[in-house]
Amino acid sequence: MPLNGGLLKTLQKRDEYVNPPLDKNSMEDVKFSTYRFLDSDKMTLADCDLLPKLHIVKVVVRQKILQL
């Protein structure tokens, strides 16, 4: 599996975790989480684990674009 395929799969898993389907009995119109971070409005260990990885992705993508 190419590197970008693995990255895409990992990001899709993260989206599935963060944006689960809402309960059918829910009366709210909210479709997505309104949290600022992964688990809440406060930064948690999960955020601290993910942020450096996302920064690496951002730097690599920027570098690849500059090389094109």
PDB file of N, CA and C in Angstrom:
ATOM      1  N   MET A   1       0.855  -1.182   0.000  1.00  0.00           N
ATOM      2  CA  MET A   1       0.000   0.000   0.000  1.00  0.00           C
ATOM      3  C   MET A   1       0.896   1.238   0.000  1.00  0.00           C
ATOM      4  N   PRO A   2       0.674   2.143  -0.918  1.00  0.00           N
ATOM      5  CA  PRO A   2       1.480   3.362  -0.939  1.00  0.00           C
ATOM      6  C   PRO A   2       1.253   4.197   0.312  1.00  0.00           C
ATOM      7  N   LEU A   3       2.208   5.050   0.582  1.00  0.00           N
ATOM      8  CA  LEU A   3       2.148   5.884   1.785  1.00  0.00           C
ATOM      9  C   LEU A   3       0.875   6.711   1.843  1.00  0.00           C
ATOM     10  N   ASN A   4       0.491   7.330   0.727  1.00  0.00           N
ATOM     11  CA  ASN A   4      -0.708   8.170   0.754  1.00  0.00           C
ATOM     12  C   ASN A   4      -1.972   7.343   0.960  1.00  0.00           C
ATOM     13  N   GLY A   5      -1.976   6.069   0.535  1.00  0.00           N
ATOM     14  CA  GLY A   5      -3.128   5.195   0.779  1.00  0.00           C
ATOM     15  C   GLY A   5      -3.285   4.885   2.254  1.00  0.00           C
ATOM     16  N   GLY A   6      -2.169   4.630   2.927  1.00  0.00           N
ATOM     17  CA  GLY A   6      -2.197   4.376   4.366  1.00  0.00           C
ATOM     18  C   GLY A   6      -2.632   5.602   5.142  1.00  0.00           C
ATOM     19  N   LEU A   7      -2.157   6.749   4.699  1.00  0.00           N
ATOM     20  CA  LEU A   7      -2.544   8.003   5.346  1.00  0.00           C
ATOM     21  C   LEU A   7      -4.036   8.250   5.187  1.00  0.00           C
ATOM     22  N   LEU A   8      -4.536   8.046   3.985  1.00  0.00           N
ATOM     23  CA  LEU A   8      -5.958   8.253   3.727  1.00  0.00           C
ATOM     24  C   LEU A   8      -6.809   7.313   4.579  1.00  0.00           C
ATOM     25  N   LYS A   9      -6.387   6.062   4.683  1.00  0.00           N
ATOM     26  CA  LYS A   9      -7.129   5.082   5.490  1.00  0.00           C
ATOM     27  C   LYS A   9      -7.139   5.497   6.967  1.00  0.00           C
ATOM     28  N   THR A  10      -6.006   5.962   7.459  1.00  0.00           N
ATOM     29  CA  THR A  10      -5.913   6.407   8.853  1.00  0.00           C
ATOM     30  C   THR A  10      -6.802   7.616   9.106  1.00  0.00           C
ATOM     31  N   LEU A  11      -6.808   8.569   8.184  1.00  0.00           N
ATOM     32  CA  LEU A  11      -7.655   9.753   8.353  1.00  0.00           C
ATOM     33  C   LEU A  11      -9.138   9.397   8.275  1.00  0.00           C
ATOM     34  N   GLN A  12      -9.488   8.414   7.447  1.00  0.00           N
ATOM     35  CA  GLN A  12     -10.883   7.973   7.376  1.00  0.00           C
ATOM     36  C   GLN A  12     -11.304   7.314   8.684  1.00  0.00           C
ATOM     37  N   LYS A  13     -10.416   6.518   9.293  1.00  0.00           N
ATOM     38  CA  LYS A  13     -10.720   5.905  10.591  1.00  0.00           C
ATOM     39  C   LYS A  13     -10.932   6.980  11.653  1.00  0.00           C
ATOM     40  N   ARG A  14     -10.113   8.020  11.602  1.00  0.00           N
ATOM     41  CA  ARG A  14     -10.251   9.120  12.550  1.00  0.00           C
ATOM     42  C   ARG A  14     -11.589   9.815  12.378  1.00  0.00           C
ATOM     43  N   ASP A  15     -12.004  10.035  11.134  1.00  0.00           N
ATOM     44  CA  ASP A  15     -13.300  10.661  10.878  1.00  0.00           C
ATOM     45  C   ASP A  15     -14.446   9.794  11.384  1.00  0.00           C
ATOM     46  N   GLU A  16     -14.342   8.479  11.199  1.00  0.00           N
ATOM     47  CA  GLU A  16     -15.387   7.572  11.683  1.00  0.00           C
ATOM     48  C   GLU A  16     -15.479   7.621  13.202  1.00  0.00           C
ATOM     49  N   TYR A  17     -14.332   7.772  13.867  1.00  0.00           N
ATOM     50  CA  TYR A  17     -14.315   7.841  15.325  1.00  0.00           C
ATOM     51  C   TYR A  17     -14.911   9.158  15.819  1.00  0.00           C
ATOM     52  N   VAL A  18     -14.547  10.239  15.175  1.00  0.00           N
ATOM     53  CA  VAL A  18     -14.960  11.568  15.635  1.00  0.00           C
ATOM     54  C   VAL A  18     -16.392  11.900  15.232  1.00  0.00           C
ATOM     55  N   ASN A  19     -16.837  11.421  14.080  1.00  0.00           N
ATOM     56  CA  ASN A  19     -18.165  11.771  13.565  1.00  0.00           C
ATOM     57  C   ASN A  19     -19.072  10.546  13.445  1.00  0.00           C
ATOM     58  N   PRO A  20     -19.361   9.879  14.560  1.00  0.00           N
ATOM     59  CA  PRO A  20     -20.250   8.715  14.458  1.00  0.00           C
ATOM     60  C   PRO A  20     -21.672   9.165  14.131  1.00  0.00           C
ATOM     61  N   PRO A  21     -22.464   8.274  13.546  1.00  0.00           N
ATOM     62  CA  PRO A  21     -23.865   8.637  13.280  1.00  0.00           C
ATOM     63  C   PRO A  21     -24.580   8.959  14.587  1.00  0.00           C
ATOM     64  N   LEU A  22     -25.426   9.946  14.544  1.00  0.00           N
ATOM     65  CA  LEU A  22     -26.179  10.309  15.739  1.00  0.00           C
ATOM     66  C   LEU A  22     -27.271   9.283  16.004  1.00  0.00           C
ATOM     67  N   ASP A  23     -27.674   9.209  17.244  1.00  0.00           N
ATOM     68  CA  ASP A  23     -28.750   8.315  17.652  1.00  0.00           C
ATOM     69  C   ASP A  23     -30.024   8.651  16.876  1.00  0.00           C
ATOM     70  N   LYS A  24     -30.723   7.643  16.395  1.00  0.00           N
ATOM     71  CA  LYS A  24     -31.955   7.868  15.624  1.00  0.00           C
ATOM     72  C   LYS A  24     -33.012   8.598  16.442  1.00  0.00           C
ATOM     73  N   ASN A  25     -32.978   8.425  17.755  1.00  0.00           N
ATOM     74  CA  ASN A  25     -33.970   9.050  18.624  1.00  0.00           C
ATOM     75  C   ASN A  25     -33.579  10.473  19.026  1.00  0.00           C
ATOM     76  N   SER A  26     -32.449  10.925  18.560  1.00  0.00           N
ATOM     77  CA  SER A  26     -31.979  12.263  18.918  1.00  0.00           C
ATOM     78  C   SER A  26     -32.880  13.323  18.295  1.00  0.00           C
ATOM     79  N   MET A  27     -33.209  14.330  19.085  1.00  0.00           N
ATOM     80  CA  MET A  27     -34.061  15.412  18.602  1.00  0.00           C
ATOM     81  C   MET A  27     -33.234  16.597  18.106  1.00  0.00           C
ATOM     82  N   GLU A  28     -31.927  16.490  18.191  1.00  0.00           N
ATOM     83  CA  GLU A  28     -31.062  17.600  17.809  1.00  0.00           C
ATOM     84  C   GLU A  28     -30.848  17.625  16.300  1.00  0.00           C
ATOM     85  N   ASP A  29     -30.639  18.813  15.765  1.00  0.00           N
ATOM     86  CA  ASP A  29     -30.357  18.980  14.339  1.00  0.00           C
ATOM     87  C   ASP A  29     -28.862  18.949  14.043  1.00  0.00           C
ATOM     88  N   VAL A  30     -28.054  18.732  15.071  1.00  0.00           N
ATOM     89  CA  VAL A  30     -26.606  18.743  14.903  1.00  0.00           C
ATOM     90  C   VAL A  30     -26.175  17.479  14.166  1.00  0.00           C
ATOM     91  N   LYS A  31     -25.428  17.653  13.072  1.00  0.00           N
ATOM     92  CA  LYS A  31     -24.964  16.515  12.273  1.00  0.00           C
ATOM     93  C   LYS A  31     -23.524  16.142  12.596  1.00  0.00           C
ATOM     94  N   PHE A  32     -22.728  17.119  13.058  1.00  0.00           N
ATOM     95  CA  PHE A  32     -21.326  16.883  13.347  1.00  0.00           C
ATOM     96  C   PHE A  32     -20.987  17.449  14.712  1.00  0.00           C
ATOM     97  N   SER A  33     -19.906  16.961  15.255  1.00  0.00           N
ATOM     98  CA  SER A  33     -19.442  17.437  16.550  1.00  0.00           C
ATOM     99  C   SER A  33     -19.089  18.918  16.480  1.00  0.00           C
ATOM    100  N   THR A  34     -19.386  19.623  17.540  1.00  0.00           N
ATOM    101  CA  THR A  34     -19.030  21.038  17.615  1.00  0.00           C
ATOM    102  C   THR A  34     -17.826  21.251  18.525  1.00  0.00           C
ATOM    103  N   TYR A  35     -17.188  20.151  18.946  1.00  0.00           N
ATOM    104  CA  TYR A  35     -16.010  20.256  19.802  1.00  0.00           C
ATOM    105  C   TYR A  35     -14.862  20.917  19.058  1.00  0.00           C
ATOM    106  N   ARG A  36     -14.038  21.621  19.779  1.00  0.00           N
ATOM    107  CA  ARG A  36     -12.841  22.237  19.190  1.00  0.00           C
ATOM    108  C   ARG A  36     -11.747  21.200  18.980  1.00  0.00           C
ATOM    109  N   PHE A  37     -11.733  20.149  19.799  1.00  0.00           N
ATOM    110  CA  PHE A  37     -10.711  19.113  19.729  1.00  0.00           C
ATOM    111  C   PHE A  37     -11.388  17.760  19.526  1.00  0.00           C
ATOM    112  N   LEU A  38     -10.626  16.678  19.569  1.00  0.00           N
ATOM    113  CA  LEU A  38     -11.182  15.357  19.260  1.00  0.00           C
ATOM    114  C   LEU A  38     -12.289  14.921  20.215  1.00  0.00           C
ATOM    115  N   ASP A  39     -12.031  15.045  21.524  1.00  0.00           N
ATOM    116  CA  ASP A  39     -12.960  14.495  22.512  1.00  0.00           C
ATOM    117  C   ASP A  39     -13.798  15.532  23.245  1.00  0.00           C
ATOM    118  N   SER A  40     -13.366  16.768  23.224  1.00  0.00           N
ATOM    119  CA  SER A  40     -14.081  17.800  23.979  1.00  0.00           C
ATOM    120  C   SER A  40     -13.591  19.176  23.540  1.00  0.00           C
ATOM    121  N   ASP A  41     -14.000  20.187  24.282  1.00  0.00           N
ATOM    122  CA  ASP A  41     -13.526  21.538  23.998  1.00  0.00           C
ATOM    123  C   ASP A  41     -12.165  21.801  24.632  1.00  0.00           C
ATOM    124  N   LYS A  42     -11.682  20.848  25.412  1.00  0.00           N
ATOM    125  CA  LYS A  42     -10.361  20.959  26.022  1.00  0.00           C
ATOM    126  C   LYS A  42      -9.420  19.968  25.349  1.00  0.00           C
ATOM    127  N   MET A  43      -8.172  20.367  25.222  1.00  0.00           N
ATOM    128  CA  MET A  43      -7.179  19.497  24.608  1.00  0.00           C
ATOM    129  C   MET A  43      -6.917  18.295  25.515  1.00  0.00           C
ATOM    130  N   THR A  44      -6.880  17.106  24.916  1.00  0.00           N
ATOM    131  CA  THR A  44      -6.637  15.878  25.662  1.00  0.00           C
ATOM    132  C   THR A  44      -5.390  15.188  25.119  1.00  0.00           C
ATOM    133  N   LEU A  45      -5.045  14.062  25.708  1.00  0.00           N
ATOM    134  CA  LEU A  45      -3.889  13.292  25.268  1.00  0.00           C
ATOM    135  C   LEU A  45      -4.040  12.844  23.815  1.00  0.00           C
ATOM    136  N   ALA A  46      -5.249  12.525  23.398  1.00  0.00           N
ATOM    137  CA  ALA A  46      -5.484  12.116  22.006  1.00  0.00           C
ATOM    138  C   ALA A  46      -5.110  13.240  21.042  1.00  0.00           C
ATOM    139  N   ASP A  47      -5.432  14.468  21.393  1.00  0.00           N
ATOM    140  CA  ASP A  47      -5.064  15.618  20.560  1.00  0.00           C
ATOM    141  C   ASP A  47      -3.551  15.793  20.521  1.00  0.00           C
ATOM    142  N   CYS A  48      -2.919  15.645  21.676  1.00  0.00           N
ATOM    143  CA  CYS A  48      -1.462  15.793  21.748  1.00  0.00           C
ATOM    144  C   CYS A  48      -0.760  14.713  20.935  1.00  0.00           C
ATOM    145  N   ASP A  49      -1.368  13.556  20.815  1.00  0.00           N
ATOM    146  CA  ASP A  49      -0.802  12.480  20.008  1.00  0.00           C
ATOM    147  C   ASP A  49      -0.977  12.756  18.519  1.00  0.00           C
ATOM    148  N   LEU A  50      -2.105  13.301  18.139  1.00  0.00           N
ATOM    149  CA  LEU A  50      -2.414  13.501  16.721  1.00  0.00           C
ATOM    150  C   LEU A  50      -1.777  14.755  16.119  1.00  0.00           C
ATOM    151  N   LEU A  51      -1.678  15.823  16.869  1.00  0.00           N
ATOM    152  CA  LEU A  51      -1.201  17.096  16.319  1.00  0.00           C
ATOM    153  C   LEU A  51       0.189  17.029  15.681  1.00  0.00           C
ATOM    154  N   PRO A  52       1.185  16.400  16.307  1.00  0.00           N
ATOM    155  CA  PRO A  52       2.496  16.334  15.638  1.00  0.00           C
ATOM    156  C   PRO A  52       2.441  15.558  14.321  1.00  0.00           C
ATOM    157  N   LYS A  53       1.628  14.535  14.271  1.00  0.00           N
ATOM    158  CA  LYS A  53       1.492  13.744  13.043  1.00  0.00           C
ATOM    159  C   LYS A  53       0.853  14.575  11.932  1.00  0.00           C
ATOM    160  N   LEU A  54      -0.155  15.342  12.280  1.00  0.00           N
ATOM    161  CA  LEU A  54      -0.787  16.205  11.282  1.00  0.00           C
ATOM    162  C   LEU A  54       0.166  17.303  10.814  1.00  0.00           C
ATOM    163  N   HIS A  55       1.003  17.778  11.711  1.00  0.00           N
ATOM    164  CA  HIS A  55       1.987  18.790  11.324  1.00  0.00           C
ATOM    165  C   HIS A  55       2.983  18.211  10.320  1.00  0.00           C
ATOM    166  N   ILE A  56       3.420  16.978  10.543  1.00  0.00           N
ATOM    167  CA  ILE A  56       4.335  16.320   9.608  1.00  0.00           C
ATOM    168  C   ILE A  56       3.679  16.196   8.241  1.00  0.00           C
ATOM    169  N   VAL A  57       2.419  15.798   8.212  1.00  0.00           N
ATOM    170  CA  VAL A  57       1.693  15.685   6.943  1.00  0.00           C
ATOM    171  C   VAL A  57       1.647  17.041   6.247  1.00  0.00           C
ATOM    172  N   LYS A  58       1.348  18.080   6.990  1.00  0.00           N
ATOM    173  CA  LYS A  58       1.269  19.429   6.421  1.00  0.00           C
ATOM    174  C   LYS A  58       2.607  19.842   5.807  1.00  0.00           C
ATOM    175  N   VAL A  59       3.703  19.587   6.512  1.00  0.00           N
ATOM    176  CA  VAL A  59       5.032  19.958   6.019  1.00  0.00           C
ATOM    177  C   VAL A  59       5.390  19.152   4.778  1.00  0.00           C
ATOM    178  N   VAL A  60       5.123  17.853   4.789  1.00  0.00           N
ATOM    179  CA  VAL A  60       5.451  16.996   3.647  1.00  0.00           C
ATOM    180  C   VAL A  60       4.646  17.407   2.417  1.00  0.00           C
ATOM    181  N   VAL A  61       3.369  17.663   2.592  1.00  0.00           N
ATOM    182  CA  VAL A  61       2.531  18.074   1.457  1.00  0.00           C
ATOM    183  C   VAL A  61       3.025  19.404   0.899  1.00  0.00           C
ATOM    184  N   ARG A  62       3.331  20.338   1.759  1.00  0.00           N
ATOM    185  CA  ARG A  62       3.837  21.633   1.306  1.00  0.00           C
ATOM    186  C   ARG A  62       5.148  21.452   0.532  1.00  0.00           C
ATOM    187  N   GLN A  63       6.027  20.589   1.019  1.00  0.00           N
ATOM    188  CA  GLN A  63       7.304  20.345   0.354  1.00  0.00           C
ATOM    189  C   GLN A  63       7.088  19.689  -1.011  1.00  0.00           C
ATOM    190  N   LYS A  64       6.170  18.734  -1.084  1.00  0.00           N
ATOM    191  CA  LYS A  64       5.875  18.065  -2.359  1.00  0.00           C
ATOM    192  C   LYS A  64       5.321  19.059  -3.373  1.00  0.00           C
ATOM    193  N   ILE A  65       4.463  19.951  -2.942  1.00  0.00           N
ATOM    194  CA  ILE A  65       3.877  20.946  -3.847  1.00  0.00           C
ATOM    195  C   ILE A  65       4.968  21.875  -4.375  1.00  0.00           C
ATOM    196  N   LEU A  66       5.902  22.258  -3.521  1.00  0.00           N
ATOM    197  CA  LEU A  66       6.978  23.145  -3.950  1.00  0.00           C
ATOM    198  C   LEU A  66       7.911  22.461  -4.944  1.00  0.00           C
ATOM    199  N   GLN A  67       8.029  21.135  -4.858  1.00  0.00           N
ATOM    200  CA  GLN A  67       8.913  20.401  -5.762  1.00  0.00           C
ATOM    201  C   GLN A  67       8.287  20.197  -7.133  1.00  0.00           C
ATOM    202  N   LEU A  68       6.979  20.323  -7.249  1.00  0.00           N
ATOM    203  CA  LEU A  68       6.316  20.108  -8.538  1.00  0.00           C
ATOM    204  C   LEU A  68       6.556  21.206  -9.473  1.00  0.00           C
TER     205      LEU A  68
END
